């Protein structure tokens, strides 16, 4: 699951969100699928730049920034849209998403304010929605992510369920102060499954959790290996994908399969992750590798079963051979005893005159 720094940069550049749910868009104008969606959103052209793919700010605690969202109605009727800001997070699938409306925000979503919570856009018209981002004076330095969203709630066609169509743009914020990026590898474990073929290797699974324990957005370059006692029969997991961009405090579960690992009864696994810090400009900085290790059993049960069966057959063969030898010895003893008895009987018979 490894990606090059250029691939990580490409991921970071996906800054605009088009949301029915939340869908990342690589273009400056966000739009959603569906015939009912007739509006689009984009960043305003101002002192921060033109045709931006998202809102990227660096600001000190206690300061504020004024910017604007441009909303365009491409339909034949007016649209009345709700507008709000929300904190961002990384989903279990590795995508960037925003908390739903009504869920409390504590970062970007709480610091962005507009003059109203809805706008009405006439057919064919375009309006600017100004907003202000104010960072509290006691805000913790580091990286934050969120978004500003336009929302249209309409009755659905099935079961009377309302459909909330959301279009938004991502906000990436770095609050000035001491930047302390840090990544931990936690809860590492290794499991082994030998399969049904007693003479083939098995499959090992290495698992661990990446935890962003610092205050900067991080990705990473990962590698993992497994080996038997004393480092024998080492197997490399090969190229691993980079984890998604993890916000401060977030975790990401990693599962790494390693094929054709011999059953050496004991198995050791090690993982190394090079944290990659990416700033708003797209430049990357590699930190010192973070390592972790774990061990587990790699018992080839099928091979042991075959060995036990063969051993049982050998023992059975030895016992049968001993029994056969004892039987033959008893038969020979009986024959000899019968011959001796017959000879004694003949010797006692009177001689013929």
Protein backbone atom coordinates (compact mmCIF):
# COMPACT_ATOMS: atom_id res chain seq x y z
CA UNK A 1 0.00 0.00 0.00
CA UNK A 2 2.92 2.37 -0.73
CA UNK A 3 2.55 5.57 -2.76
CA UNK A 4 5.24 7.89 -3.95
CA UNK A 5 5.40 11.49 -2.66
CA UNK A 6 4.05 12.66 -6.03
CA UNK A 7 0.99 10.45 -5.58
CA UNK A 8 0.52 11.83 -2.07
CA UNK A 9 0.69 15.36 -3.46
CA UNK A 10 -1.96 14.48 -6.03
CA UNK A 11 -4.20 13.31 -3.22
CA UNK A 12 -3.64 16.51 -1.29
CA UNK A 13 -4.56 18.56 -4.38
CA UNK A 14 -8.08 17.09 -4.30
CA UNK A 15 -9.32 19.98 -2.24
CA UNK A 16 -12.81 20.69 -3.58
CA UNK A 17 -15.74 18.66 -2.37
CA UNK A 18 -18.96 17.86 -4.21
CA UNK A 19 -21.34 16.37 -1.74
CA UNK A 20 -24.27 14.03 -1.96
CA UNK A 21 -22.71 12.59 1.12
CA UNK A 22 -19.19 13.98 0.40
CA UNK A 23 -17.39 13.35 -2.90
CA UNK A 24 -13.88 14.68 -3.53
CA UNK A 25 -13.53 16.62 -6.79
CA UNK A 26 -10.23 17.53 -8.46
CA UNK A 27 -11.59 20.64 -10.14
CA UNK A 28 -12.16 24.17 -8.87
CA UNK A 29 -15.91 24.02 -9.43
CA UNK A 30 -17.79 21.44 -7.43
CA UNK A 31 -20.96 19.82 -8.66
CA UNK A 32 -22.96 16.72 -7.82
CA UNK A 33 -24.55 14.02 -9.91
CA UNK A 34 -28.29 13.98 -10.53
CA UNK A 35 -30.74 15.96 -12.67
CA UNK A 36 -32.09 17.76 -9.58
CA UNK A 37 -28.78 19.49 -8.83
CA UNK A 38 -28.73 22.75 -10.74
CA UNK A 39 -26.14 24.80 -8.88
CA UNK A 40 -22.38 24.82 -8.50
CA UNK A 41 -19.89 26.29 -6.04
CA UNK A 42 -16.35 27.60 -6.41
CA UNK A 43 -13.84 29.75 -4.60
CA UNK A 44 -13.93 33.48 -5.10
CA UNK A 45 -11.11 35.17 -7.03
CA UNK A 46 -9.43 37.63 -4.67
CA UNK A 47 -6.12 38.36 -2.95
CA UNK A 48 -5.75 34.64 -2.18
CA UNK A 49 -5.75 33.72 -5.88
CA UNK A 50 -7.97 32.76 -8.81
CA UNK A 51 -9.30 29.33 -9.73
CA UNK A 52 -8.25 27.84 -6.41
CA UNK A 53 -9.09 24.18 -5.79
CA UNK A 54 -9.80 24.89 -2.14
CA UNK A 55 -9.36 27.30 0.73
CA UNK A 56 -5.83 27.00 2.14
CA UNK A 57 -4.90 29.27 5.02
CA UNK A 58 -2.02 29.79 7.44
CA UNK A 59 -3.00 32.04 10.34
CA UNK A 60 -1.88 32.82 13.86
CA UNK A 61 -4.13 32.33 16.89
CA UNK A 62 -6.41 35.31 17.51
CA UNK A 63 -6.42 36.38 13.83
CA UNK A 64 -9.13 36.22 11.17
CA UNK A 65 -9.45 35.92 7.39
CA UNK A 66 -12.21 37.14 5.08
CA UNK A 67 -13.02 35.14 1.96
CA UNK A 68 -16.04 34.20 -0.14
CA UNK A 69 -17.85 31.26 -1.72
CA UNK A 70 -19.31 31.73 -5.21
CA UNK A 71 -22.66 30.03 -5.83
CA UNK A 72 -24.08 29.77 -9.37
CA UNK A 73 -27.62 28.65 -10.28
CA UNK A 74 -27.69 26.94 -13.68
CA UNK A 75 -31.36 26.01 -13.49
CA UNK A 76 -34.63 27.62 -14.57
CA UNK A 77 -35.97 28.16 -11.04
CA UNK A 78 -34.58 29.84 -7.96
CA UNK A 79 -32.82 27.66 -5.38
CA UNK A 80 -32.89 28.32 -1.64
CA UNK A 81 -29.77 26.79 -0.14
CA UNK A 82 -28.64 26.30 3.40
CA UNK A 83 -25.02 27.33 4.00
CA UNK A 84 -22.89 26.15 6.90
CA UNK A 85 -19.34 25.17 7.85
CA UNK A 86 -18.35 21.81 9.34
CA UNK A 87 -15.29 19.98 10.66
CA UNK A 88 -13.65 17.36 8.46
CA UNK A 89 -12.56 13.82 9.19
CA UNK A 90 -11.18 10.75 7.40
CA UNK A 91 -13.69 7.98 6.76
CA UNK A 92 -13.05 4.26 7.16
CA UNK A 93 -12.55 4.06 3.39
CA UNK A 94 -9.83 6.72 3.53
CA UNK A 95 -11.90 9.54 2.03
CA UNK A 96 -12.25 13.06 3.38
CA UNK A 97 -15.73 13.82 4.70
CA UNK A 98 -17.54 16.44 6.76
CA UNK A 99 -19.67 15.97 9.82
CA UNK A 100 -23.35 16.25 8.99
CA UNK A 101 -25.38 19.37 9.67
CA UNK A 102 -26.34 19.64 13.32
CA UNK A 103 -23.25 17.78 14.55
CA UNK A 104 -21.17 20.09 16.76
CA UNK A 105 -17.85 21.25 15.28
CA UNK A 106 -14.87 22.26 17.41
CA UNK A 107 -12.41 23.43 14.77
CA UNK A 108 -12.89 24.93 11.31
CA UNK A 109 -16.64 24.33 11.42
CA UNK A 110 -16.93 26.40 14.60
CA UNK A 111 -14.58 29.15 13.45
CA UNK A 112 -16.22 29.99 10.10
CA UNK A 113 -19.13 32.40 10.17
CA UNK A 114 -21.24 34.03 7.46
CA UNK A 115 -23.84 36.78 7.64
CA UNK A 116 -26.67 34.27 7.12
CA UNK A 117 -27.30 30.52 7.13
CA UNK A 118 -29.02 30.39 3.73
CA UNK A 119 -28.96 32.03 0.32
CA UNK A 120 -31.49 32.28 -2.48
CA UNK A 121 -30.03 32.28 -5.98
CA UNK A 122 -32.18 33.39 -8.92
CA UNK A 123 -32.23 31.37 -12.19
CA UNK A 124 -29.02 31.93 -14.14
CA UNK A 125 -27.59 34.13 -11.39
CA UNK A 126 -24.30 33.98 -9.48
CA UNK A 127 -23.80 35.34 -5.98
CA UNK A 128 -20.91 35.68 -3.56
CA UNK A 129 -21.32 34.36 -0.04
CA UNK A 130 -18.76 36.15 2.15
CA UNK A 131 -17.51 34.45 5.29
CA UNK A 132 -14.96 35.07 8.01
CA UNK A 133 -12.67 32.49 9.59
CA UNK A 134 -11.61 33.56 13.08
CA UNK A 135 -9.09 31.45 14.99
CA UNK A 136 -9.45 31.70 18.77
CA UNK A 137 -6.49 33.15 20.66
CA UNK A 138 -6.11 29.91 22.63
CA UNK A 139 -6.29 27.61 19.59
CA UNK A 140 -3.75 24.80 19.60
CA UNK A 141 -1.13 25.21 16.84
CA UNK A 142 -1.24 22.70 14.00
CA UNK A 143 -3.39 21.50 11.11
CA UNK A 144 -7.17 21.57 10.85
CA UNK A 145 -9.56 20.62 8.04
CA UNK A 146 -13.18 21.32 7.35
CA UNK A 147 -15.39 22.74 4.66
CA UNK A 148 -18.09 25.21 3.77
CA UNK A 149 -21.22 23.59 2.40
CA UNK A 150 -24.35 24.52 0.47
CA UNK A 151 -27.29 22.21 1.06
CA UNK A 152 -30.64 21.61 -0.62
CA UNK A 153 -33.14 19.32 1.10
CA UNK A 154 -35.91 17.93 -1.11
CA UNK A 155 -38.54 15.22 -0.71
CA UNK A 156 -37.35 11.86 -2.00
CA UNK A 157 -39.23 9.67 -4.46
CA UNK A 158 -39.32 6.62 -2.19
CA UNK A 159 -40.75 6.04 1.28
CA UNK A 160 -41.17 9.76 1.94
CA UNK A 161 -37.48 10.19 2.86
CA UNK A 162 -35.96 13.61 2.29
CA UNK A 163 -32.80 13.81 0.19
CA UNK A 164 -30.07 16.25 1.27
CA UNK A 165 -27.86 17.28 -1.63
CA UNK A 166 -24.70 19.05 -0.53
CA UNK A 167 -22.02 20.87 -2.46
CA UNK A 168 -19.01 22.18 -0.62
CA UNK A 169 -15.36 23.17 -0.76
CA UNK A 170 -12.63 21.97 1.57
CA UNK A 171 -10.91 24.35 3.98
CA UNK A 172 -7.33 23.48 4.98
CA UNK A 173 -5.98 25.50 7.89
CA UNK A 174 -2.61 25.63 9.64
CA UNK A 175 -2.64 27.54 12.92
CA UNK A 176 0.71 29.14 13.65
CA UNK A 177 2.91 28.00 16.50
CA UNK A 178 5.15 25.06 17.26
CA UNK A 179 4.53 22.27 14.77
CA UNK A 180 5.10 18.85 16.34
CA UNK A 181 4.34 16.08 13.82
CA UNK A 182 4.33 12.62 15.36
CA UNK A 183 3.11 9.19 14.32
CA UNK A 184 2.79 6.03 16.42
CA UNK A 185 2.41 2.39 15.36
CA UNK A 186 0.09 0.73 17.86
CA UNK A 187 -1.60 -2.63 18.54
CA UNK A 188 0.67 -4.61 16.23
CA UNK A 189 0.01 -8.33 15.85
CA UNK A 190 0.78 -11.18 13.43
CA UNK A 191 -1.31 -14.25 12.60
CA UNK A 192 -0.50 -17.28 10.47
CA UNK A 193 -2.72 -19.73 8.58
CA UNK A 194 -1.04 -22.82 7.18
CA UNK A 195 -3.84 -23.95 4.90
CA UNK A 196 -4.54 -27.57 3.96
CA UNK A 197 -1.35 -28.43 2.09
CA UNK A 198 1.04 -29.81 4.72
CA UNK A 199 4.09 -29.33 2.50
CA UNK A 200 3.46 -25.70 1.48
CA UNK A 201 3.91 -22.42 3.35
CA UNK A 202 1.01 -20.49 4.80
CA UNK A 203 -0.26 -16.94 4.74
CA UNK A 204 0.69 -14.47 7.45
CA UNK A 205 -1.31 -11.35 8.27
CA UNK A 206 0.36 -8.39 9.92
CA UNK A 207 -1.94 -5.82 11.49
CA UNK A 208 -1.37 -2.53 13.29
CA UNK A 209 -2.90 0.90 13.87
CA UNK A 210 -1.35 4.16 12.71
CA UNK A 211 -2.09 6.96 15.17
CA UNK A 212 -1.41 10.60 14.37
CA UNK A 213 -0.26 11.73 17.80
CA UNK A 214 1.06 15.11 16.63
CA UNK A 215 -0.56 18.33 15.45
CA UNK A 216 0.19 18.11 11.70
CA UNK A 217 -1.50 16.21 8.89
CA UNK A 218 0.51 13.07 8.09
CA UNK A 219 0.73 10.25 5.61
CA UNK A 220 3.51 7.65 5.51
CA UNK A 221 5.65 5.21 3.58
CA UNK A 222 5.19 1.70 4.97
CA UNK A 223 7.10 -1.58 4.88
CA UNK A 224 6.65 -4.86 6.73
CA UNK A 225 8.47 -8.19 7.01
CA UNK A 226 7.94 -11.52 8.75
CA UNK A 227 10.58 -14.12 9.68
CA UNK A 228 11.06 -17.30 11.63
CA UNK A 229 13.37 -17.79 14.64
CA UNK A 230 16.78 -16.11 14.33
CA UNK A 231 15.53 -14.26 11.25
CA UNK A 232 15.27 -17.43 9.18
CA UNK A 233 12.98 -17.60 6.13
CA UNK A 234 12.34 -13.84 6.06
CA UNK A 235 9.47 -12.71 3.80
CA UNK A 236 8.86 -9.13 2.70
CA UNK A 237 5.32 -7.81 2.32
CA UNK A 238 6.26 -5.97 -0.87
CA UNK A 239 5.04 -2.51 -1.90
CA UNK A 240 2.43 -1.09 0.47
CA UNK A 241 0.03 1.75 -0.24
CA UNK A 242 0.40 4.92 1.76
CA UNK A 243 -2.30 5.56 4.34
CA UNK A 244 -4.67 8.47 3.71
CA UNK A 245 -3.92 11.92 5.04
CA UNK A 246 -4.56 11.59 8.77
CA UNK A 247 -5.66 14.63 10.71
CA UNK A 248 -4.22 15.15 14.20
CA UNK A 249 -5.66 12.57 16.57
CA UNK A 250 -6.95 10.26 13.84
CA UNK A 251 -6.15 6.56 13.52
CA UNK A 252 -5.95 4.19 10.54
CA UNK A 253 -6.03 0.41 10.74
CA UNK A 254 -3.57 -1.40 8.46
CA UNK A 255 -3.79 -5.06 7.42
CA UNK A 256 -0.84 -6.50 5.46
CA UNK A 257 -1.01 -10.00 3.91
CA UNK A 258 2.27 -11.88 3.37
CA UNK A 259 2.06 -15.00 1.19
CA UNK A 260 4.01 -18.28 1.29
CA UNK A 261 5.42 -17.98 4.79
CA UNK A 262 6.90 -21.26 6.11
CA UNK A 263 5.45 -22.72 9.27
CA UNK A 264 8.41 -22.23 11.60
CA UNK A 265 6.38 -22.67 14.83
CA UNK A 266 7.30 -19.12 15.91
CA UNK A 267 6.95 -16.03 13.72
CA UNK A 268 8.22 -12.50 14.22
CA UNK A 269 6.86 -9.46 12.36
CA UNK A 270 8.26 -5.95 12.06
CA UNK A 271 6.85 -2.79 10.51
CA UNK A 272 8.56 0.46 9.61
CA UNK A 273 6.68 3.65 8.74
CA UNK A 274 8.32 6.85 7.52
CA UNK A 275 5.92 9.69 8.44
CA UNK A 276 5.43 12.21 5.63
CA UNK A 277 4.39 15.75 6.53
CA UNK A 278 2.70 17.68 3.71
CA UNK A 279 2.07 21.40 4.02
CA UNK A 280 -0.49 23.55 2.22
CA UNK A 281 1.94 24.34 -0.61
CA UNK A 282 2.35 20.63 -1.37
CA UNK A 283 5.94 20.24 -0.21
CA UNK A 284 6.77 17.09 1.76
CA UNK A 285 9.07 16.37 4.67
CA UNK A 286 10.07 12.86 5.72
CA UNK A 287 10.51 12.21 9.43
CA UNK A 288 12.57 9.50 11.11
CA UNK A 289 11.09 6.01 10.67
CA UNK A 290 8.78 4.65 13.35
CA UNK A 291 9.07 0.92 13.97
CA UNK A 292 7.13 -1.76 15.83
CA UNK A 293 7.31 -5.52 16.18
CA UNK A 294 5.17 -8.45 17.26
CA UNK A 295 5.39 -12.23 17.41
CA UNK A 296 2.99 -15.13 17.12
CA UNK A 297 2.72 -18.83 16.52
CA UNK A 298 3.17 -20.38 13.09
CA UNK A 299 2.44 -24.01 13.86
CA UNK A 300 2.07 -26.22 10.72
CA UNK A 301 -0.80 -28.27 12.15
CA UNK A 302 -1.43 -30.23 8.95
CA UNK A 303 2.23 -31.20 8.72
CA UNK A 304 2.22 -32.20 12.38
CA UNK A 305 -0.89 -34.28 11.73
CA UNK A 306 0.82 -36.03 8.82
CA UNK A 307 3.90 -36.64 11.00
CA UNK A 308 1.73 -38.01 13.81
CA UNK A 309 -0.11 -40.31 11.39
CA UNK A 310 3.21 -41.57 9.98
CA UNK A 311 4.59 -42.05 13.50
CA UNK A 312 1.46 -43.95 14.48
CA UNK A 313 1.83 -46.17 11.42
CA UNK A 314 5.50 -46.82 12.30
CA UNK A 315 4.59 -47.71 15.89
CA UNK A 316 1.77 -49.94 14.66
CA UNK A 317 4.13 -51.61 12.20
CA UNK A 318 6.70 -52.26 14.95
CA UNK A 319 4.03 -53.71 17.22
CA UNK A 320 2.66 -55.93 14.48
CA UNK A 321 6.19 -57.11 13.65
CA UNK A 322 6.83 -57.91 17.31
CA UNK A 323 3.56 -59.77 17.58
CA UNK A 324 4.34 -61.74 14.43
CA UNK A 325 7.81 -62.54 15.74
CA UNK A 326 6.36 -63.62 19.09
CA UNK A 327 3.77 -65.75 17.33
CA UNK A 328 6.45 -67.42 15.22
CA UNK A 329 8.60 -68.00 18.32
CA UNK A 330 5.65 -69.57 20.15
CA UNK A 331 4.87 -71.81 17.18
CA UNK A 332 8.52 -72.89 16.96
CA UNK A 333 8.63 -73.59 20.68
CA UNK A 334 5.48 -75.66 20.39
CA UNK A 335 6.93 -77.60 17.46
CA UNK A 336 10.16 -78.27 19.36
CA UNK A 337 8.23 -79.33 22.46
CA UNK A 338 6.11 -81.69 20.38
CA UNK A 339 9.21 -83.19 18.76
CA UNK A 340 10.90 -83.72 22.12
CA UNK A 341 7.80 -85.34 23.53
CA UNK A 342 7.53 -87.61 20.55
CA UNK A 343 11.17 -88.61 20.87
CA UNK A 344 10.77 -89.36 24.58
CA UNK A 345 7.71 -91.46 23.90
CA UNK A 346 9.55 -93.52 21.31
CA UNK A 347 12.47 -94.03 23.66
CA UNK A 348 10.19 -95.51 26.34
CA UNK A 349 8.58 -98.09 23.97
CA UNK A 350 9.81 -101.79 24.52
CA UNK A 351 12.18 -103.12 21.89
CA UNK A 352 10.80 -105.80 19.57
CA UNK A 353 12.00 -109.43 20.08
